[in-house]
Amino acid sequence: QSKVAESGGGLVQPGGSLRLSCALSGLNLEEYAVAWFRQAPGKEREGVSCVSFRTGLPEYHASVQGRFTISKDNAKNTAYLQMNNLKSEDSAVYYCAVARDYYCSSSATSWRRGMDYWGQGTPVTVSP
């Protein structure tokens, strides 16, 4: 059974919104930082947002700052990525990953190597 499972992806028009969910199984979300990544066809996987495990402080890639919001609900053992004002360039497979006792730096390129568990991804398509 996967320890990390994403859901909530789909097709949305430009300017629309989606909320992605990241549910943990067998892990205690309170002990983990959560990060969202995305990978578009032909491109490398990039960090989108990260929230540190104790402070809950979020970090964002510059391209999504002000449009995306990351959050954690420890009671539900689930994290979220609220995506507003979506653009065509946001289309990608979105992955959730978690890292124990991890503090997210401001550098999105550093998050990937710190992750312990990854989900299988959920596709997001932004198109008219």
Foldseek 3Di string as FASTA:
>chain_A
DAQWAKDWADEAAAQAKTKMKIAGDPDQQLQKKKWKWWDAPPGDIWTAKIAARHPRDMEGDPVQPPFWDWGDDRVRRMIMIIGGRDDQVVWGWMKMFIAGNDDDDNDRVPPPVRTDHIYPTDTHGHHD
